[in-house]
C-alpha atoms as a PDB file:
ATOM      1  CA  UNK A   1     120.259 150.757 207.081  1.00  0.00           C
ATOM      2  CA  UNK A   2     121.840 153.255 204.668  1.00  0.00           C
ATOM      3  CA  UNK A   3     121.509 156.918 205.569  1.00  0.00           C
ATOM      4  CA  UNK A   4     120.827 159.392 202.771  1.00  0.00           C
ATOM      5  CA  UNK A   5     123.365 162.147 202.145  1.00  0.00           C
ATOM      6  CA  UNK A   6     126.094 160.490 204.207  1.00  0.00           C
ATOM      7  CA  UNK A   7     129.425 160.699 202.338  1.00  0.00           C
ATOM      8  CA  UNK A   8     131.291 157.455 201.723  1.00  0.00           C
ATOM      9  CA  UNK A   9     134.787 156.946 203.108  1.00  0.00           C
ATOM     10  CA  UNK A  10     136.986 154.883 200.773  1.00  0.00           C
ATOM     11  CA  UNK A  11     140.636 153.820 200.728  1.00  0.00           C
ATOM     12  CA  UNK A  12     142.774 156.499 199.065  1.00  0.00           C
ATOM     13  CA  UNK A  13     144.202 153.957 196.620  1.00  0.00           C
ATOM     14  CA  UNK A  14     140.703 153.475 195.144  1.00  0.00           C
ATOM     15  CA  UNK A  15     140.717 157.066 193.859  1.00  0.00           C
ATOM     16  CA  UNK A  16     142.759 157.735 190.729  1.00  0.00           C
ATOM     17  CA  UNK A  17     144.221 161.169 189.968  1.00  0.00           C
ATOM     18  CA  UNK A  18     143.365 162.168 193.531  1.00  0.00           C
ATOM     19  CA  UNK A  19     145.590 165.246 193.512  1.00  0.00           C
ATOM     20  CA  UNK A  20     144.098 166.662 190.296  1.00  0.00           C
ATOM     21  CA  UNK A  21     140.881 168.468 189.454  1.00  0.00           C
ATOM     22  CA  UNK A  22     139.476 165.287 187.839  1.00  0.00           C
ATOM     23  CA  UNK A  23     139.625 162.405 190.356  1.00  0.00           C
ATOM     24  CA  UNK A  24     137.792 159.195 189.471  1.00  0.00           C
ATOM     25  CA  UNK A  25     137.141 155.657 190.681  1.00  0.00           C
ATOM     26  CA  UNK A  26     136.954 152.525 188.510  1.00  0.00           C
ATOM     27  CA  UNK A  27     133.580 150.940 189.336  1.00  0.00           C
ATOM     28  CA  UNK A  28     132.080 147.596 188.330  1.00  0.00           C
ATOM     29  CA  UNK A  29     128.798 148.142 186.451  1.00  0.00           C
ATOM     30  CA  UNK A  30     126.250 145.332 186.255  1.00  0.00           C
ATOM     31  CA  UNK A  31     125.645 142.043 188.056  1.00  0.00           C
ATOM     32  CA  UNK A  32     126.305 139.477 185.338  1.00  0.00           C
ATOM     33  CA  UNK A  33     129.241 137.739 183.719  1.00  0.00           C
ATOM     34  CA  UNK A  34     129.301 140.550 181.131  1.00  0.00           C
ATOM     35  CA  UNK A  35     130.040 143.268 183.704  1.00  0.00           C
ATOM     36  CA  UNK A  36     132.330 146.083 182.653  1.00  0.00           C
ATOM     37  CA  UNK A  37     134.558 148.519 184.445  1.00  0.00           C
ATOM     38  CA  UNK A  38     133.478 152.167 184.246  1.00  0.00           C
ATOM     39  CA  UNK A  39     135.447 155.315 185.044  1.00  0.00           C
ATOM     40  CA  UNK A  40     133.268 157.316 187.470  1.00  0.00           C
ATOM     41  CA  UNK A  41     134.193 160.942 188.247  1.00  0.00           C
ATOM     42  CA  UNK A  42     133.985 161.752 191.958  1.00  0.00           C
ATOM     43  CA  UNK A  43     134.043 164.852 194.115  1.00  0.00           C
ATOM     44  CA  UNK A  44     136.285 164.328 197.119  1.00  0.00           C
ATOM     45  CA  UNK A  45     136.186 165.886 200.553  1.00  0.00           C
ATOM     46  CA  UNK A  46     138.494 165.313 203.493  1.00  0.00           C
ATOM     47  CA  UNK A  47     141.598 163.166 202.927  1.00  0.00           C
ATOM     48  CA  UNK A  48     143.274 161.648 205.968  1.00  0.00           C
ATOM     49  CA  UNK A  49     145.248 158.558 207.011  1.00  0.00           C
ATOM     50  CA  UNK A  50     144.884 156.710 203.722  1.00  0.00           C
ATOM     51  CA  UNK A  51     141.147 157.394 203.450  1.00  0.00           C
ATOM     52  CA  UNK A  52     139.161 159.778 201.250  1.00  0.00           C
ATOM     53  CA  UNK A  53     135.679 161.165 201.744  1.00  0.00           C
ATOM     54  CA  UNK A  54     133.570 160.878 198.569  1.00  0.00           C
ATOM     55  CA  UNK A  55     130.955 163.626 198.403  1.00  0.00           C
ATOM     56  CA  UNK A  56     129.555 162.791 194.944  1.00  0.00           C
ATOM     57  CA  UNK A  57     129.888 160.091 192.313  1.00  0.00           C
ATOM     58  CA  UNK A  58     129.681 156.823 194.288  1.00  0.00           C
ATOM     59  CA  UNK A  59     126.745 155.125 195.948  1.00  0.00           C
ATOM     60  CA  UNK A  60     126.710 152.671 198.845  1.00  0.00           C
ATOM     61  CA  UNK A  61     127.336 149.205 197.426  1.00  0.00           C
ATOM     62  CA  UNK A  62     129.381 150.367 194.408  1.00  0.00           C
ATOM     63  CA  UNK A  63     132.336 148.084 193.747  1.00  0.00           C
ATOM     64  CA  UNK A  64     135.762 149.492 192.911  1.00  0.00           C
ATOM     65  CA  UNK A  65     138.279 147.608 190.832  1.00  0.00           C
ATOM     66  CA  UNK A  66     141.339 149.806 191.038  1.00  0.00           C
ATOM     67  CA  UNK A  67     143.459 149.094 187.958  1.00  0.00           C
ATOM     68  CA  UNK A  68     140.743 147.841 185.582  1.00  0.00           C
ATOM     69  CA  UNK A  69     140.389 149.507 182.173  1.00  0.00           C
ATOM     70  CA  UNK A  70     137.152 151.370 181.278  1.00  0.00           C
ATOM     71  CA  UNK A  71     134.881 149.199 179.154  1.00  0.00           C
ATOM     72  CA  UNK A  72     136.905 146.047 179.819  1.00  0.00           C
ATOM     73  CA  UNK A  73     135.052 142.952 180.885  1.00  0.00           C
ATOM     74  CA  UNK A  74     135.450 142.458 184.615  1.00  0.00           C
ATOM     75  CA  UNK A  75     135.388 139.279 186.666  1.00  0.00           C
ATOM     76  CA  UNK A  76     133.620 139.206 190.013  1.00  0.00           C
ATOM     77  CA  UNK A  77     135.941 138.659 192.955  1.00  0.00           C
ATOM     78  CA  UNK A  78     139.006 139.765 190.982  1.00  0.00           C
ATOM     79  CA  UNK A  79     140.125 142.516 193.342  1.00  0.00           C
ATOM     80  CA  UNK A  80     136.760 144.287 193.535  1.00  0.00           C
ATOM     81  CA  UNK A  81     135.751 145.807 196.867  1.00  0.00           C
ATOM     82  CA  UNK A  82     132.317 147.034 197.907  1.00  0.00           C
ATOM     83  CA  UNK A  83     131.908 150.503 199.421  1.00  0.00           C
ATOM     84  CA  UNK A  84     129.567 151.726 202.134  1.00  0.00           C
ATOM     85  CA  UNK A  85     127.569 148.645 202.989  1.00  0.00           C
END
């Protein structure tokens, strides 16, 4: 069961430009072989012990790919991790 309005907690290394006013996460978009990486702006909350609270921008089940380039074709299982499920 997924609760509505419950912030996600993600590893800090999933959030790029964390210490700026424009943090983002690279997220896999789509469920096919033609999936692409997308840069998704996020609003962060509490940061502690290598974890970051995401208040807006990600949904449960989103998959982060870390170093992938926006618009680049992404391969499933190539370093992607699923959040909040």
